[in-house]
Amino acid sequence: ANGYPDGDVNDEKTGFSPFPGNINQLLFQLKPYTKAIERTQGAMPEFVNPKYADDAKTIFKKPTRLECMMQDFPTILNSEESKWVGFTSIA
């Protein structure tokens, strides 16, 4: 269906995968990061991401758990700390 019957196999000519890689990076300066974590006592926003086994969403596929995402770290920053947060997106 995707034109690659063998899946993600390296190209014979280049030696590389035909699929582009994901190079997401999350960088922190240690001192400001530590200061924010100490202030919040490590509390981060949490969410539940259940996986369901049926379309009616009445049966869990497996036990669900609380999760948090590191990209939510800026949400715990105060206004002074958040001045130094930024991102770059290359399409």
PDB file of N, CA and C in Angstrom:
ATOM      1  N   ALA A   1       0.819  -1.197   0.000  1.00  0.00           N
ATOM      2  CA  ALA A   1       0.000   0.000   0.000  1.00  0.00           C
ATOM      3  C   ALA A   1       0.859   1.256   0.000  1.00  0.00           C
ATOM      4  N   ASN A   2       2.055   1.199   0.604  1.00  0.00           N
ATOM      5  CA  ASN A   2       2.890   2.397   0.662  1.00  0.00           C
ATOM      6  C   ASN A   2       3.997   2.400  -0.388  1.00  0.00           C
ATOM      7  N   GLY A   3       4.040   1.391  -1.254  1.00  0.00           N
ATOM      8  CA  GLY A   3       5.077   1.326  -2.274  1.00  0.00           C
ATOM      9  C   GLY A   3       6.376   0.717  -1.797  1.00  0.00           C
ATOM     10  N   TYR A   4       6.416   0.250  -0.574  1.00  0.00           N
ATOM     11  CA  TYR A   4       7.611  -0.366   0.000  1.00  0.00           C
ATOM     12  C   TYR A   4       7.226  -1.730   0.584  1.00  0.00           C
ATOM     13  N   PRO A   5       7.114  -2.744  -0.269  1.00  0.00           N
ATOM     14  CA  PRO A   5       6.644  -4.047   0.222  1.00  0.00           C
ATOM     15  C   PRO A   5       7.531  -4.665   1.304  1.00  0.00           C
ATOM     16  N   ASP A   6       8.813  -4.291   1.342  1.00  0.00           N
ATOM     17  CA  ASP A   6       9.719  -4.815   2.367  1.00  0.00           C
ATOM     18  C   ASP A   6       9.799  -3.917   3.598  1.00  0.00           C
ATOM     19  N   GLY A   7       9.037  -2.813   3.579  1.00  0.00           N
ATOM     20  CA  GLY A   7       9.046  -1.906   4.724  1.00  0.00           C
ATOM     21  C   GLY A   7      10.246  -0.989   4.705  1.00  0.00           C
ATOM     22  N   ASP A   8      10.743  -0.652   5.873  1.00  0.00           N
ATOM     23  CA  ASP A   8      11.855   0.283   6.018  1.00  0.00           C
ATOM     24  C   ASP A   8      13.182  -0.453   5.838  1.00  0.00           C
ATOM     25  N   VAL A   9      13.571  -0.615   4.583  1.00  0.00           N
ATOM     26  CA  VAL A   9      14.830  -1.280   4.233  1.00  0.00           C
ATOM     27  C   VAL A   9      15.734  -0.229   3.604  1.00  0.00           C
ATOM     28  N   ASN A  10      16.995  -0.221   3.976  1.00  0.00           N
ATOM     29  CA  ASN A  10      17.928   0.771   3.433  1.00  0.00           C
ATOM     30  C   ASN A  10      18.016   0.686   1.920  1.00  0.00           C
ATOM     31  N   ASP A  11      18.085   1.843   1.282  1.00  0.00           N
ATOM     32  CA  ASP A  11      18.239   1.950  -0.159  1.00  0.00           C
ATOM     33  C   ASP A  11      19.588   1.361  -0.558  1.00  0.00           C
ATOM     34  N   GLU A  12      19.607   0.540  -1.597  1.00  0.00           N
ATOM     35  CA  GLU A  12      20.850  -0.117  -2.021  1.00  0.00           C
ATOM     36  C   GLU A  12      21.907   0.880  -2.492  1.00  0.00           C
ATOM     37  N   LYS A  13      21.502   1.979  -3.136  1.00  0.00           N
ATOM     38  CA  LYS A  13      22.442   2.962  -3.659  1.00  0.00           C
ATOM     39  C   LYS A  13      23.018   3.857  -2.567  1.00  0.00           C
ATOM     40  N   THR A  14      22.146   4.340  -1.679  1.00  0.00           N
ATOM     41  CA  THR A  14      22.595   5.320  -0.683  1.00  0.00           C
ATOM     42  C   THR A  14      22.938   4.685   0.667  1.00  0.00           C
ATOM     43  N   GLY A  15      22.332   3.539   0.959  1.00  0.00           N
ATOM     44  CA  GLY A  15      22.525   2.917   2.260  1.00  0.00           C
ATOM     45  C   GLY A  15      21.631   3.494   3.342  1.00  0.00           C
ATOM     46  N   PHE A  16      20.779   4.451   2.967  1.00  0.00           N
ATOM     47  CA  PHE A  16      19.905   5.107   3.924  1.00  0.00           C
ATOM     48  C   PHE A  16      18.465   4.643   3.778  1.00  0.00           C
ATOM     49  N   SER A  17      17.699   4.831   4.820  1.00  0.00           N
ATOM     50  CA  SER A  17      16.277   4.529   4.812  1.00  0.00           C
ATOM     51  C   SER A  17      15.558   5.477   3.856  1.00  0.00           C
ATOM     52  N   PRO A  18      14.505   4.999   3.162  1.00  0.00           N
ATOM     53  CA  PRO A  18      13.737   5.888   2.292  1.00  0.00           C
ATOM     54  C   PRO A  18      12.828   6.820   3.094  1.00  0.00           C
ATOM     55  N   PHE A  19      12.733   6.593   4.400  1.00  0.00           N
ATOM     56  CA  PHE A  19      11.859   7.392   5.249  1.00  0.00           C
ATOM     57  C   PHE A  19      12.702   8.382   6.057  1.00  0.00           C
ATOM     58  N   PRO A  20      12.318   9.659   6.045  1.00  0.00           N
ATOM     59  CA  PRO A  20      13.100  10.638   6.798  1.00  0.00           C
ATOM     60  C   PRO A  20      13.003  10.377   8.297  1.00  0.00           C
ATOM     61  N   GLY A  21      14.067  10.657   9.001  1.00  0.00           N
ATOM     62  CA  GLY A  21      14.093  10.445  10.445  1.00  0.00           C
ATOM     63  C   GLY A  21      13.492  11.616  11.192  1.00  0.00           C
ATOM     64  N   ASN A  22      13.151  11.370  12.417  1.00  0.00           N
ATOM     65  CA  ASN A  22      12.628  12.393  13.298  1.00  0.00           C
ATOM     66  C   ASN A  22      13.775  12.851  14.188  1.00  0.00           C
ATOM     67  N   ILE A  23      14.091  14.130  14.146  1.00  0.00           N
ATOM     68  CA  ILE A  23      15.205  14.628  14.946  1.00  0.00           C
ATOM     69  C   ILE A  23      14.717  15.604  16.016  1.00  0.00           C
ATOM     70  N   ASN A  24      13.544  15.321  16.591  1.00  0.00           N
ATOM     71  CA  ASN A  24      13.072  16.171  17.676  1.00  0.00           C
ATOM     72  C   ASN A  24      14.103  16.184  18.783  1.00  0.00           C
ATOM     73  N   GLN A  25      14.351  17.360  19.290  1.00  0.00           N
ATOM     74  CA  GLN A  25      15.291  17.502  20.390  1.00  0.00           C
ATOM     75  C   GLN A  25      14.689  18.416  21.432  1.00  0.00           C
ATOM     76  N   LEU A  26      14.950  18.110  22.677  1.00  0.00           N
ATOM     77  CA  LEU A  26      14.479  18.914  23.787  1.00  0.00           C
ATOM     78  C   LEU A  26      15.705  19.270  24.623  1.00  0.00           C
ATOM     79  N   LEU A  27      16.018  20.551  24.685  1.00  0.00           N
ATOM     80  CA  LEU A  27      17.238  20.990  25.357  1.00  0.00           C
ATOM     81  C   LEU A  27      16.896  21.881  26.546  1.00  0.00           C
ATOM     82  N   PHE A  28      17.627  21.696  27.645  1.00  0.00           N
ATOM     83  CA  PHE A  28      17.449  22.509  28.837  1.00  0.00           C
ATOM     84  C   PHE A  28      18.793  23.022  29.314  1.00  0.00           C
ATOM     85  N   GLN A  29      18.800  24.230  29.852  1.00  0.00           N
ATOM     86  CA  GLN A  29      19.956  24.677  30.624  1.00  0.00           C
ATOM     87  C   GLN A  29      19.734  24.134  32.023  1.00  0.00           C
ATOM     88  N   LEU A  30      20.743  23.517  32.588  1.00  0.00           N
ATOM     89  CA  LEU A  30      20.576  22.802  33.843  1.00  0.00           C
ATOM     90  C   LEU A  30      20.171  23.695  35.022  1.00  0.00           C
ATOM     91  N   LYS A  31      20.792  24.864  35.176  1.00  0.00           N
ATOM     92  CA  LYS A  31      20.479  25.720  36.332  1.00  0.00           C
ATOM     93  C   LYS A  31      19.018  26.193  36.329  1.00  0.00           C
ATOM     94  N   PRO A  32      18.507  26.783  35.227  1.00  0.00           N
ATOM     95  CA  PRO A  32      17.098  27.198  35.243  1.00  0.00           C
ATOM     96  C   PRO A  32      16.133  26.005  35.361  1.00  0.00           C
ATOM     97  N   TYR A  33      16.490  24.890  34.748  1.00  0.00           N
ATOM     98  CA  TYR A  33      15.660  23.689  34.845  1.00  0.00           C
ATOM     99  C   TYR A  33      15.567  23.234  36.302  1.00  0.00           C
ATOM    100  N   THR A  34      16.704  23.171  36.964  1.00  0.00           N
ATOM    101  CA  THR A  34      16.740  22.745  38.366  1.00  0.00           C
ATOM    102  C   THR A  34      15.938  23.701  39.242  1.00  0.00           C
ATOM    103  N   LYS A  35      16.054  24.997  38.990  1.00  0.00           N
ATOM    104  CA  LYS A  35      15.323  25.998  39.765  1.00  0.00           C
ATOM    105  C   LYS A  35      13.812  25.793  39.618  1.00  0.00           C
ATOM    106  N   ALA A  36      13.348  25.576  38.396  1.00  0.00           N
ATOM    107  CA  ALA A  36      11.911  25.365  38.166  1.00  0.00           C
ATOM    108  C   ALA A  36      11.434  24.066  38.801  1.00  0.00           C
ATOM    109  N   ILE A  37      12.221  23.016  38.707  1.00  0.00           N
ATOM    110  CA  ILE A  37      11.843  21.729  39.292  1.00  0.00           C
ATOM    111  C   ILE A  37      11.807  21.826  40.822  1.00  0.00           C
ATOM    112  N   GLU A  38      12.761  22.535  41.403  1.00  0.00           N
ATOM    113  CA  GLU A  38      12.748  22.718  42.857  1.00  0.00           C
ATOM    114  C   GLU A  38      11.526  23.522  43.293  1.00  0.00           C
ATOM    115  N   ARG A  39      11.183  24.578  42.539  1.00  0.00           N
ATOM    116  CA  ARG A  39      10.041  25.419  42.886  1.00  0.00           C
ATOM    117  C   ARG A  39       8.730  24.639  42.830  1.00  0.00           C
ATOM    118  N   THR A  40       8.587  23.777  41.827  1.00  0.00           N
ATOM    119  CA  THR A  40       7.337  23.018  41.657  1.00  0.00           C
ATOM    120  C   THR A  40       7.375  21.660  42.344  1.00  0.00           C
ATOM    121  N   GLN A  41       8.516  21.336  42.946  1.00  0.00           N
ATOM    122  CA  GLN A  41       8.732  20.031  43.573  1.00  0.00           C
ATOM    123  C   GLN A  41       8.518  18.892  42.566  1.00  0.00           C
ATOM    124  N   GLY A  42       8.847  19.172  41.319  1.00  0.00           N
ATOM    125  CA  GLY A  42       8.784  18.161  40.264  1.00  0.00           C
ATOM    126  C   GLY A  42       7.402  17.897  39.710  1.00  0.00           C
ATOM    127  N   ALA A  43       6.397  18.640  40.162  1.00  0.00           N
ATOM    128  CA  ALA A  43       5.028  18.414  39.671  1.00  0.00           C
ATOM    129  C   ALA A  43       4.911  18.872  38.216  1.00  0.00           C
ATOM    130  N   MET A  44       4.370  17.997  37.386  1.00  0.00           N
ATOM    131  CA  MET A  44       4.152  18.301  35.973  1.00  0.00           C
ATOM    132  C   MET A  44       2.689  18.043  35.643  1.00  0.00           C
ATOM    133  N   PRO A  45       2.121  18.741  34.639  1.00  0.00           N
ATOM    134  CA  PRO A  45       0.749  18.437  34.221  1.00  0.00           C
ATOM    135  C   PRO A  45       0.655  16.972  33.797  1.00  0.00           C
ATOM    136  N   GLU A  46      -0.429  16.334  34.163  1.00  0.00           N
ATOM    137  CA  GLU A  46      -0.612  14.921  33.847  1.00  0.00           C
ATOM    138  C   GLU A  46      -1.869  14.740  33.011  1.00  0.00           C
ATOM    139  N   PHE A  47      -1.924  13.633  32.299  1.00  0.00           N
ATOM    140  CA  PHE A  47      -3.114  13.277  31.544  1.00  0.00           C
ATOM    141  C   PHE A  47      -3.224  11.765  31.503  1.00  0.00           C
ATOM    142  N   VAL A  48      -4.398  11.299  31.162  1.00  0.00           N
ATOM    143  CA  VAL A  48      -4.636   9.867  31.018  1.00  0.00           C
ATOM    144  C   VAL A  48      -4.849   9.602  29.534  1.00  0.00           C
ATOM    145  N   ASN A  49      -4.174   8.592  29.016  1.00  0.00           N
ATOM    146  CA  ASN A  49      -4.255   8.268  27.590  1.00  0.00           C
ATOM    147  C   ASN A  49      -4.662   6.802  27.442  1.00  0.00           C
ATOM    148  N   PRO A  50      -5.943   6.492  27.682  1.00  0.00           N
ATOM    149  CA  PRO A  50      -6.361   5.082  27.645  1.00  0.00           C
ATOM    150  C   PRO A  50      -6.345   4.505  26.231  1.00  0.00           C
ATOM    151  N   LYS A  51      -6.062   3.233  26.145  1.00  0.00           N
ATOM    152  CA  LYS A  51      -6.130   2.482  24.889  1.00  0.00           C
ATOM    153  C   LYS A  51      -7.321   1.531  25.013  1.00  0.00           C
ATOM    154  N   TYR A  52      -8.269   1.679  24.095  1.00  0.00           N
ATOM    155  CA  TYR A  52      -9.494   0.892  24.168  1.00  0.00           C
ATOM    156  C   TYR A  52      -9.444  -0.309  23.234  1.00  0.00           C
ATOM    157  N   ALA A  53     -10.117  -1.383  23.623  1.00  0.00           N
ATOM    158  CA  ALA A  53     -10.163  -2.607  22.826  1.00  0.00           C
ATOM    159  C   ALA A  53     -11.398  -2.651  21.928  1.00  0.00           C
ATOM    160  N   ASP A  54     -12.368  -1.762  22.169  1.00  0.00           N
ATOM    161  CA  ASP A  54     -13.601  -1.793  21.378  1.00  0.00           C
ATOM    162  C   ASP A  54     -13.969  -0.382  20.925  1.00  0.00           C
ATOM    163  N   ASP A  55     -14.792  -0.300  19.869  1.00  0.00           N
ATOM    164  CA  ASP A  55     -15.195   0.991  19.315  1.00  0.00           C
ATOM    165  C   ASP A  55     -16.083   1.778  20.272  1.00  0.00           C
ATOM    166  N   ALA A  56     -16.798   1.099  21.151  1.00  0.00           N
ATOM    167  CA  ALA A  56     -17.666   1.783  22.111  1.00  0.00           C
ATOM    168  C   ALA A  56     -16.869   2.391  23.262  1.00  0.00           C
ATOM    169  N   LYS A  57     -15.588   2.093  23.309  1.00  0.00           N
ATOM    170  CA  LYS A  57     -14.679   2.587  24.351  1.00  0.00           C
ATOM    171  C   LYS A  57     -15.186   2.231  25.754  1.00  0.00           C
ATOM    172  N   THR A  58     -15.543   0.960  25.893  1.00  0.00           N
ATOM    173  CA  THR A  58     -15.988   0.471  27.202  1.00  0.00           C
ATOM    174  C   THR A  58     -15.032  -0.562  27.787  1.00  0.00           C
ATOM    175  N   ILE A  59     -14.101  -1.052  26.966  1.00  0.00           N
ATOM    176  CA  ILE A  59     -13.153  -2.071  27.417  1.00  0.00           C
ATOM    177  C   ILE A  59     -11.731  -1.574  27.134  1.00  0.00           C
ATOM    178  N   PHE A  60     -10.911  -1.551  28.182  1.00  0.00           N
ATOM    179  CA  PHE A  60      -9.521  -1.142  28.001  1.00  0.00           C
ATOM    180  C   PHE A  60      -8.720  -2.269  27.353  1.00  0.00           C
ATOM    181  N   LYS A  61      -7.853  -1.893  26.405  1.00  0.00           N
ATOM    182  CA  LYS A  61      -6.945  -2.852  25.781  1.00  0.00           C
ATOM    183  C   LYS A  61      -5.905  -3.322  26.790  1.00  0.00           C
ATOM    184  N   LYS A  62      -5.455  -2.393  27.623  1.00  0.00           N
ATOM    185  CA  LYS A  62      -4.496  -2.699  28.682  1.00  0.00           C
ATOM    186  C   LYS A  62      -4.703  -1.659  29.777  1.00  0.00           C
ATOM    187  N   PRO A  63      -4.166  -1.874  30.962  1.00  0.00           N
ATOM    188  CA  PRO A  63      -4.346  -0.884  32.025  1.00  0.00           C
ATOM    189  C   PRO A  63      -3.836   0.486  31.580  1.00  0.00           C
ATOM    190  N   THR A  64      -4.566   1.520  31.935  1.00  0.00           N
ATOM    191  CA  THR A  64      -4.155   2.876  31.581  1.00  0.00           C
ATOM    192  C   THR A  64      -3.317   3.466  32.706  1.00  0.00           C
ATOM    193  N   ARG A  65      -2.625   4.542  32.427  1.00  0.00           N
ATOM    194  CA  ARG A  65      -1.738   5.133  33.417  1.00  0.00           C
ATOM    195  C   ARG A  65      -1.707   6.649  33.238  1.00  0.00           C
ATOM    196  N   LEU A  66      -1.258   7.327  34.276  1.00  0.00           N
ATOM    197  CA  LEU A  66      -1.017   8.757  34.167  1.00  0.00           C
ATOM    198  C   LEU A  66       0.257   8.973  33.371  1.00  0.00           C
ATOM    199  N   GLU A  67       0.254   9.974  32.527  1.00  0.00           N
ATOM    200  CA  GLU A  67       1.431  10.292  31.738  1.00  0.00           C
ATOM    201  C   GLU A  67       1.681  11.791  31.803  1.00  0.00           C
ATOM    202  N   CYS A  68       2.894  12.198  31.494  1.00  0.00           N
ATOM    203  CA  CYS A  68       3.202  13.611  31.303  1.00  0.00           C
ATOM    204  C   CYS A  68       4.205  13.692  30.158  1.00  0.00           C
ATOM    205  N   MET A  69       4.237  14.837  29.520  1.00  0.00           N
ATOM    206  CA  MET A  69       5.129  15.010  28.378  1.00  0.00           C
ATOM    207  C   MET A  69       6.137  16.106  28.691  1.00  0.00           C
ATOM    208  N   MET A  70       7.384  15.854  28.374  1.00  0.00           N
ATOM    209  CA  MET A  70       8.426  16.838  28.654  1.00  0.00           C
ATOM    210  C   MET A  70       8.192  18.142  27.890  1.00  0.00           C
ATOM    211  N   GLN A  71       7.506  18.094  26.755  1.00  0.00           N
ATOM    212  CA  GLN A  71       7.243  19.340  26.040  1.00  0.00           C
ATOM    213  C   GLN A  71       6.251  20.218  26.799  1.00  0.00           C
ATOM    214  N   ASP A  72       5.614  19.667  27.859  1.00  0.00           N
ATOM    215  CA  ASP A  72       4.744  20.472  28.716  1.00  0.00           C
ATOM    216  C   ASP A  72       5.531  21.210  29.795  1.00  0.00           C
ATOM    217  N   PHE A  73       6.822  20.990  29.872  1.00  0.00           N
ATOM    218  CA  PHE A  73       7.647  21.650  30.881  1.00  0.00           C
ATOM    219  C   PHE A  73       7.433  23.164  30.898  1.00  0.00           C
ATOM    220  N   PRO A  74       7.364  23.853  29.745  1.00  0.00           N
ATOM    221  CA  PRO A  74       7.177  25.310  29.795  1.00  0.00           C
ATOM    222  C   PRO A  74       5.894  25.745  30.507  1.00  0.00           C
ATOM    223  N   THR A  75       4.911  24.876  30.634  1.00  0.00           N
ATOM    224  CA  THR A  75       3.663  25.272  31.304  1.00  0.00           C
ATOM    225  C   THR A  75       3.852  25.479  32.800  1.00  0.00           C
ATOM    226  N   ILE A  76       4.932  24.986  33.379  1.00  0.00           N
ATOM    227  CA  ILE A  76       5.161  25.186  34.814  1.00  0.00           C
ATOM    228  C   ILE A  76       6.049  26.391  35.088  1.00  0.00           C
ATOM    229  N   LEU A  77       6.514  27.057  34.044  1.00  0.00           N
ATOM    230  CA  LEU A  77       7.414  28.187  34.224  1.00  0.00           C
ATOM    231  C   LEU A  77       6.645  29.454  34.586  1.00  0.00           C
ATOM    232  N   ASN A  78       7.267  30.293  35.405  1.00  0.00           N
ATOM    233  CA  ASN A  78       6.644  31.587  35.696  1.00  0.00           C
ATOM    234  C   ASN A  78       6.981  32.546  34.549  1.00  0.00           C
ATOM    235  N   SER A  79       6.455  33.767  34.604  1.00  0.00           N
ATOM    236  CA  SER A  79       6.616  34.687  33.469  1.00  0.00           C
ATOM    237  C   SER A  79       8.076  35.029  33.191  1.00  0.00           C
ATOM    238  N   GLU A  80       8.879  35.196  34.219  1.00  0.00           N
ATOM    239  CA  GLU A  80      10.298  35.504  34.013  1.00  0.00           C
ATOM    240  C   GLU A  80      11.026  34.328  33.359  1.00  0.00           C
ATOM    241  N   GLU A  81      10.759  33.117  33.829  1.00  0.00           N
ATOM    242  CA  GLU A  81      11.412  31.921  33.276  1.00  0.00           C
ATOM    243  C   GLU A  81      10.984  31.661  31.837  1.00  0.00           C
ATOM    244  N   SER A  82       9.748  31.948  31.532  1.00  0.00           N
ATOM    245  CA  SER A  82       9.230  31.623  30.194  1.00  0.00           C
ATOM    246  C   SER A  82       9.766  32.548  29.106  1.00  0.00           C
ATOM    247  N   LYS A  83      10.404  33.655  29.492  1.00  0.00           N
ATOM    248  CA  LYS A  83      10.990  34.563  28.497  1.00  0.00           C
ATOM    249  C   LYS A  83      12.082  33.879  27.681  1.00  0.00           C
ATOM    250  N   TRP A  84      12.653  32.811  28.216  1.00  0.00           N
ATOM    251  CA  TRP A  84      13.794  32.161  27.584  1.00  0.00           C
ATOM    252  C   TRP A  84      13.409  30.889  26.841  1.00  0.00           C
ATOM    253  N   VAL A  85      12.121  30.654  26.674  1.00  0.00           N
ATOM    254  CA  VAL A  85      11.649  29.450  25.990  1.00  0.00           C
ATOM    255  C   VAL A  85      11.387  29.788  24.526  1.00  0.00           C
ATOM    256  N   GLY A  86      11.808  28.900  23.646  1.00  0.00           N
ATOM    257  CA  GLY A  86      11.553  29.098  22.227  1.00  0.00           C
ATOM    258  C   GLY A  86      11.613  27.776  21.492  1.00  0.00           C
ATOM    259  N   PHE A  87      11.310  27.784  20.218  1.00  0.00           N
ATOM    260  CA  PHE A  87      11.393  26.578  19.418  1.00  0.00           C
ATOM    261  C   PHE A  87      11.711  26.922  17.982  1.00  0.00           C
ATOM    262  N   THR A  88      12.192  25.930  17.289  1.00  0.00           N
ATOM    263  CA  THR A  88      12.479  26.063  15.866  1.00  0.00           C
ATOM    264  C   THR A  88      11.793  24.913  15.149  1.00  0.00           C
ATOM    265  N   SER A  89      11.093  25.229  14.081  1.00  0.00           N
ATOM    266  CA  SER A  89      10.425  24.194  13.295  1.00  0.00           C
ATOM    267  C   SER A  89      10.893  24.337  11.852  1.00  0.00           C
ATOM    268  N   ILE A  90      11.407  23.261  11.306  1.00  0.00           N
ATOM    269  CA  ILE A  90      11.880  23.271   9.924  1.00  0.00           C
ATOM    270  C   ILE A  90      11.041  22.281   9.145  1.00  0.00           C
ATOM    271  N   ALA A  91      10.394  22.755   8.116  1.00  0.00           N
ATOM    272  CA  ALA A  91       9.525  21.877   7.313  1.00  0.00           C
ATOM    273  C   ALA A  91      10.234  21.447   6.055  1.00  0.00           C
TER     274      ALA A  91
END
